N, C-alpha and C. Protein backbone atom coordinates (compact mmCIF):
# COMPACT_ATOMS: atom_id res chain seq x y z
N MET A 1 1.43 -21.42 -26.90
CA MET A 1 1.02 -22.62 -26.21
C MET A 1 1.46 -22.58 -24.75
N LEU A 2 2.72 -22.22 -24.51
CA LEU A 2 3.24 -22.16 -23.16
C LEU A 2 2.50 -21.10 -22.34
N ARG A 3 2.20 -19.98 -22.97
CA ARG A 3 1.46 -18.92 -22.28
C ARG A 3 0.06 -19.41 -21.89
N THR A 4 -0.62 -20.12 -22.75
CA THR A 4 -1.95 -20.65 -22.47
C THR A 4 -1.90 -21.61 -21.28
N VAL A 5 -0.90 -22.45 -21.23
CA VAL A 5 -0.75 -23.39 -20.12
C VAL A 5 -0.51 -22.63 -18.81
N ALA A 6 0.32 -21.59 -18.85
CA ALA A 6 0.60 -20.79 -17.65
C ALA A 6 -0.66 -20.09 -17.15
N VAL A 7 -1.46 -19.54 -18.05
CA VAL A 7 -2.70 -18.87 -17.67
C VAL A 7 -3.67 -19.88 -17.08
N ALA A 8 -3.81 -21.03 -17.72
CA ALA A 8 -4.71 -22.08 -17.22
C ALA A 8 -4.28 -22.55 -15.84
N ALA A 9 -2.97 -22.70 -15.63
CA ALA A 9 -2.46 -23.14 -14.33
C ALA A 9 -2.75 -22.09 -13.27
N THR A 10 -2.61 -20.83 -13.61
CA THR A 10 -2.89 -19.75 -12.66
C THR A 10 -4.37 -19.74 -12.28
N VAL A 11 -5.24 -19.86 -13.27
CA VAL A 11 -6.68 -19.89 -13.02
C VAL A 11 -7.02 -21.08 -12.13
N TRP A 12 -6.47 -22.25 -12.41
CA TRP A 12 -6.72 -23.43 -11.61
C TRP A 12 -6.24 -23.23 -10.18
N LEU A 13 -5.06 -22.63 -10.01
CA LEU A 13 -4.51 -22.40 -8.68
C LEU A 13 -5.43 -21.49 -7.87
N PHE A 14 -5.92 -20.40 -8.46
CA PHE A 14 -6.82 -19.50 -7.74
C PHE A 14 -8.12 -20.21 -7.40
N ALA A 15 -8.63 -21.01 -8.30
CA ALA A 15 -9.86 -21.76 -8.03
C ALA A 15 -9.64 -22.73 -6.89
N PHE A 16 -8.52 -23.42 -6.86
CA PHE A 16 -8.23 -24.39 -5.81
C PHE A 16 -8.07 -23.71 -4.47
N VAL A 17 -7.34 -22.62 -4.41
CA VAL A 17 -7.13 -21.90 -3.16
C VAL A 17 -8.47 -21.41 -2.62
N GLY A 18 -9.30 -20.86 -3.48
CA GLY A 18 -10.60 -20.38 -3.05
C GLY A 18 -11.45 -21.51 -2.50
N THR A 19 -11.41 -22.66 -3.12
CA THR A 19 -12.17 -23.80 -2.67
C THR A 19 -11.67 -24.29 -1.32
N ALA A 20 -10.37 -24.37 -1.15
CA ALA A 20 -9.80 -24.82 0.12
C ALA A 20 -10.17 -23.84 1.23
N ASP A 21 -10.11 -22.55 0.92
CA ASP A 21 -10.47 -21.54 1.90
C ASP A 21 -11.94 -21.68 2.29
N ALA A 22 -12.80 -21.91 1.32
CA ALA A 22 -14.22 -22.09 1.60
C ALA A 22 -14.45 -23.34 2.45
N ARG A 23 -13.73 -24.41 2.16
CA ARG A 23 -13.87 -25.63 2.97
C ARG A 23 -13.45 -25.37 4.41
N THR A 24 -12.36 -24.64 4.59
CA THR A 24 -11.88 -24.32 5.94
C THR A 24 -12.91 -23.49 6.68
N ARG A 25 -13.45 -22.48 6.02
CA ARG A 25 -14.47 -21.64 6.65
C ARG A 25 -15.71 -22.46 6.99
N TRP A 26 -16.11 -23.34 6.08
CA TRP A 26 -17.29 -24.16 6.34
C TRP A 26 -17.08 -25.04 7.57
N GLN A 27 -15.88 -25.56 7.77
CA GLN A 27 -15.61 -26.39 8.95
C GLN A 27 -15.78 -25.58 10.24
N VAL A 28 -15.44 -24.31 10.20
CA VAL A 28 -15.62 -23.43 11.36
C VAL A 28 -17.11 -23.13 11.57
N VAL A 29 -17.83 -22.88 10.49
CA VAL A 29 -19.23 -22.47 10.55
C VAL A 29 -20.17 -23.64 10.84
N LYS A 30 -19.85 -24.80 10.35
CA LYS A 30 -20.77 -25.94 10.37
C LYS A 30 -21.45 -26.20 11.72
N PRO A 31 -20.73 -26.22 12.85
CA PRO A 31 -21.41 -26.48 14.12
C PRO A 31 -22.42 -25.40 14.52
N TYR A 32 -22.30 -24.22 13.96
CA TYR A 32 -23.16 -23.09 14.31
C TYR A 32 -24.16 -22.74 13.21
N HIS A 33 -24.14 -23.49 12.13
CA HIS A 33 -24.91 -23.14 10.94
C HIS A 33 -26.40 -22.93 11.22
N ALA A 34 -27.03 -23.86 11.90
CA ALA A 34 -28.48 -23.74 12.16
C ALA A 34 -28.77 -22.48 12.98
N LYS A 35 -27.96 -22.20 13.96
CA LYS A 35 -28.14 -21.00 14.79
C LYS A 35 -27.98 -19.74 13.93
N LEU A 36 -26.98 -19.72 13.08
CA LEU A 36 -26.73 -18.55 12.23
C LEU A 36 -27.88 -18.33 11.23
N ILE A 37 -28.44 -19.39 10.73
CA ILE A 37 -29.59 -19.27 9.82
C ILE A 37 -30.77 -18.67 10.57
N ARG A 38 -31.00 -19.12 11.80
CA ARG A 38 -32.11 -18.56 12.61
C ARG A 38 -31.88 -17.06 12.87
N ILE A 39 -30.64 -16.70 13.20
CA ILE A 39 -30.34 -15.29 13.44
C ILE A 39 -30.54 -14.48 12.17
N ALA A 40 -30.03 -14.96 11.05
CA ALA A 40 -30.17 -14.24 9.78
C ALA A 40 -31.63 -14.14 9.35
N TRP A 41 -32.42 -15.17 9.61
CA TRP A 41 -33.84 -15.10 9.28
C TRP A 41 -34.51 -14.00 10.10
N CYS A 42 -34.18 -13.96 11.37
CA CYS A 42 -34.75 -12.95 12.27
C CYS A 42 -34.28 -11.54 11.89
N GLU A 43 -33.01 -11.39 11.59
CA GLU A 43 -32.44 -10.07 11.30
C GLU A 43 -32.83 -9.52 9.93
N SER A 44 -32.81 -10.39 8.92
CA SER A 44 -32.96 -9.87 7.54
C SER A 44 -33.81 -10.73 6.62
N ARG A 45 -34.44 -11.75 7.17
CA ARG A 45 -35.19 -12.72 6.35
C ARG A 45 -34.29 -13.37 5.30
N LEU A 46 -33.04 -13.58 5.70
CA LEU A 46 -32.01 -14.23 4.86
C LEU A 46 -31.64 -13.41 3.62
N HIS A 47 -31.78 -12.11 3.69
CA HIS A 47 -31.34 -11.24 2.60
C HIS A 47 -29.87 -10.90 2.85
N TRP A 48 -28.99 -11.74 2.36
CA TRP A 48 -27.57 -11.65 2.67
C TRP A 48 -26.91 -10.39 2.11
N HIS A 49 -27.48 -9.79 1.10
CA HIS A 49 -26.86 -8.62 0.46
C HIS A 49 -27.61 -7.32 0.76
N ILE A 50 -28.33 -7.31 1.87
CA ILE A 50 -29.16 -6.15 2.21
C ILE A 50 -28.32 -5.00 2.78
N ASN A 51 -28.65 -3.81 2.32
CA ASN A 51 -28.10 -2.57 2.85
C ASN A 51 -29.23 -1.55 2.83
N THR A 52 -29.89 -1.40 3.96
CA THR A 52 -31.06 -0.53 4.02
C THR A 52 -30.71 0.91 4.41
N GLY A 53 -29.43 1.17 4.66
CA GLY A 53 -29.00 2.51 5.00
C GLY A 53 -29.13 2.84 6.48
N ASN A 54 -29.36 1.83 7.32
CA ASN A 54 -29.52 2.08 8.75
C ASN A 54 -28.24 1.81 9.56
N GLY A 55 -27.12 1.55 8.87
CA GLY A 55 -25.87 1.29 9.57
C GLY A 55 -25.61 -0.18 9.85
N TYR A 56 -26.52 -1.04 9.43
CA TYR A 56 -26.36 -2.49 9.59
C TYR A 56 -26.37 -3.12 8.20
N TYR A 57 -25.51 -4.12 8.02
CA TYR A 57 -25.29 -4.65 6.67
C TYR A 57 -25.34 -6.17 6.65
N GLY A 58 -25.88 -6.70 5.57
CA GLY A 58 -25.84 -8.13 5.32
C GLY A 58 -26.91 -8.91 6.06
N GLY A 59 -26.88 -10.20 5.84
CA GLY A 59 -27.88 -11.09 6.42
C GLY A 59 -27.86 -11.12 7.93
N LEU A 60 -26.69 -10.91 8.51
CA LEU A 60 -26.56 -10.93 9.97
C LEU A 60 -26.50 -9.53 10.57
N GLN A 61 -26.69 -8.51 9.73
CA GLN A 61 -26.79 -7.13 10.16
C GLN A 61 -25.59 -6.67 11.00
N PHE A 62 -24.41 -6.79 10.42
CA PHE A 62 -23.19 -6.30 11.06
C PHE A 62 -23.10 -4.78 10.98
N THR A 63 -22.52 -4.15 11.99
CA THR A 63 -22.07 -2.77 11.85
C THR A 63 -20.67 -2.86 11.24
N LEU A 64 -20.21 -1.79 10.64
CA LEU A 64 -18.86 -1.81 10.05
C LEU A 64 -17.80 -2.03 11.11
N GLY A 65 -17.97 -1.42 12.27
CA GLY A 65 -16.99 -1.59 13.34
C GLY A 65 -16.88 -3.03 13.81
N THR A 66 -18.02 -3.66 13.99
CA THR A 66 -18.01 -5.07 14.42
C THR A 66 -17.42 -5.95 13.33
N TRP A 67 -17.78 -5.71 12.11
CA TRP A 67 -17.28 -6.47 10.97
C TRP A 67 -15.75 -6.40 10.92
N ARG A 68 -15.23 -5.22 11.10
CA ARG A 68 -13.77 -5.04 11.04
C ARG A 68 -13.08 -5.63 12.27
N THR A 69 -13.76 -5.62 13.43
CA THR A 69 -13.20 -6.21 14.65
C THR A 69 -12.85 -7.67 14.45
N VAL A 70 -13.64 -8.38 13.66
CA VAL A 70 -13.41 -9.81 13.44
C VAL A 70 -12.73 -10.07 12.11
N GLY A 71 -12.07 -9.06 11.56
CA GLY A 71 -11.25 -9.24 10.37
C GLY A 71 -11.95 -9.12 9.04
N GLY A 72 -13.21 -8.69 9.06
CA GLY A 72 -13.93 -8.52 7.81
C GLY A 72 -13.35 -7.38 6.99
N ARG A 73 -13.32 -7.57 5.70
CA ARG A 73 -12.83 -6.54 4.78
C ARG A 73 -13.96 -6.13 3.86
N GLY A 74 -13.88 -4.91 3.39
CA GLY A 74 -14.94 -4.42 2.51
C GLY A 74 -16.23 -4.22 3.30
N MET A 75 -17.32 -4.32 2.60
CA MET A 75 -18.63 -4.13 3.21
C MET A 75 -19.27 -5.48 3.49
N PRO A 76 -19.88 -5.66 4.66
CA PRO A 76 -20.46 -6.96 5.01
C PRO A 76 -21.49 -7.47 4.01
N HIS A 77 -22.32 -6.58 3.52
CA HIS A 77 -23.39 -7.02 2.60
C HIS A 77 -22.86 -7.44 1.23
N LEU A 78 -21.61 -7.12 0.94
CA LEU A 78 -21.01 -7.56 -0.32
C LEU A 78 -20.26 -8.87 -0.18
N ALA A 79 -20.11 -9.33 1.04
CA ALA A 79 -19.44 -10.61 1.29
C ALA A 79 -20.41 -11.77 1.06
N THR A 80 -19.86 -12.94 0.82
CA THR A 80 -20.71 -14.13 0.62
C THR A 80 -21.40 -14.47 1.94
N PRO A 81 -22.51 -15.20 1.86
CA PRO A 81 -23.14 -15.67 3.09
C PRO A 81 -22.18 -16.48 3.97
N LEU A 82 -21.35 -17.31 3.35
CA LEU A 82 -20.39 -18.09 4.13
C LEU A 82 -19.43 -17.19 4.88
N GLU A 83 -18.95 -16.14 4.23
CA GLU A 83 -18.03 -15.20 4.89
C GLU A 83 -18.72 -14.48 6.04
N GLN A 84 -19.97 -14.08 5.84
CA GLN A 84 -20.71 -13.43 6.91
C GLN A 84 -20.89 -14.37 8.10
N LYS A 85 -21.22 -15.61 7.83
CA LYS A 85 -21.37 -16.59 8.91
C LYS A 85 -20.03 -16.85 9.61
N TYR A 86 -18.97 -16.94 8.85
CA TYR A 86 -17.64 -17.16 9.41
C TYR A 86 -17.27 -16.02 10.37
N ARG A 87 -17.52 -14.79 9.96
CA ARG A 87 -17.21 -13.64 10.81
C ARG A 87 -18.10 -13.62 12.05
N ALA A 88 -19.34 -14.08 11.92
CA ALA A 88 -20.24 -14.16 13.09
C ALA A 88 -19.72 -15.18 14.10
N VAL A 89 -19.21 -16.30 13.62
CA VAL A 89 -18.65 -17.31 14.53
C VAL A 89 -17.42 -16.74 15.23
N LYS A 90 -16.59 -16.03 14.49
CA LYS A 90 -15.42 -15.41 15.12
C LYS A 90 -15.87 -14.43 16.21
N LEU A 91 -16.93 -13.69 15.95
CA LEU A 91 -17.45 -12.75 16.94
C LEU A 91 -18.00 -13.50 18.16
N PHE A 92 -18.72 -14.57 17.92
CA PHE A 92 -19.25 -15.40 19.00
C PHE A 92 -18.11 -15.92 19.88
N LYS A 93 -17.05 -16.40 19.26
CA LYS A 93 -15.91 -16.91 20.01
C LYS A 93 -15.18 -15.80 20.77
N LEU A 94 -15.13 -14.63 20.19
CA LEU A 94 -14.50 -13.48 20.84
C LEU A 94 -15.30 -13.04 22.07
N ARG A 95 -16.61 -12.95 21.93
CA ARG A 95 -17.46 -12.46 23.01
C ARG A 95 -17.88 -13.56 23.98
N GLY A 96 -17.93 -14.81 23.49
CA GLY A 96 -18.39 -15.91 24.34
C GLY A 96 -19.90 -16.00 24.43
N SER A 97 -20.59 -15.26 23.57
CA SER A 97 -22.06 -15.29 23.55
C SER A 97 -22.55 -14.70 22.24
N TRP A 98 -23.86 -14.77 22.07
CA TRP A 98 -24.50 -14.20 20.89
C TRP A 98 -25.01 -12.79 21.22
N SER A 99 -24.38 -12.11 22.16
CA SER A 99 -24.86 -10.82 22.67
C SER A 99 -24.90 -9.71 21.61
N ASP A 100 -24.18 -9.86 20.53
CA ASP A 100 -24.27 -8.85 19.47
C ASP A 100 -25.58 -8.92 18.72
N TRP A 101 -26.36 -9.94 18.97
CA TRP A 101 -27.70 -10.09 18.44
C TRP A 101 -28.63 -10.28 19.63
N PRO A 102 -28.92 -9.20 20.38
CA PRO A 102 -29.64 -9.34 21.65
C PRO A 102 -31.03 -9.92 21.54
N ILE A 103 -31.70 -9.72 20.44
CA ILE A 103 -33.04 -10.31 20.27
C ILE A 103 -32.94 -11.60 19.47
N CYS A 104 -32.38 -11.51 18.29
CA CYS A 104 -32.33 -12.66 17.39
C CYS A 104 -31.36 -13.74 17.87
N GLY A 105 -30.38 -13.38 18.66
CA GLY A 105 -29.43 -14.37 19.17
C GLY A 105 -30.04 -15.30 20.18
N LEU A 106 -31.22 -14.94 20.72
CA LEU A 106 -31.91 -15.80 21.68
C LEU A 106 -32.67 -16.92 21.01
N ARG A 107 -32.87 -16.83 19.70
CA ARG A 107 -33.67 -17.83 18.97
C ARG A 107 -32.89 -19.07 18.67
């Protein structure tokens, strides 16, 4: 019984932390959400898990180097859409523009 309670508490804790983290990321992304959707539509037609083998990954078509520059871990196309958007906002704030998307960033 005690073991079951401990496991349930651990599962609940991980679920809560993940939810809080997602809320925090959403607060960062929210002001830029419409812009990011337009960029992702232009780049990948909103295919967030795309990997076409051309060196660009995910809905926002990150290169691995750019993804890692803004703290991304793993492969961009395996990250959630929210994580991809969050990393794009970090990149925007780092660069001060949407220059990493020279065509789609103008939309």
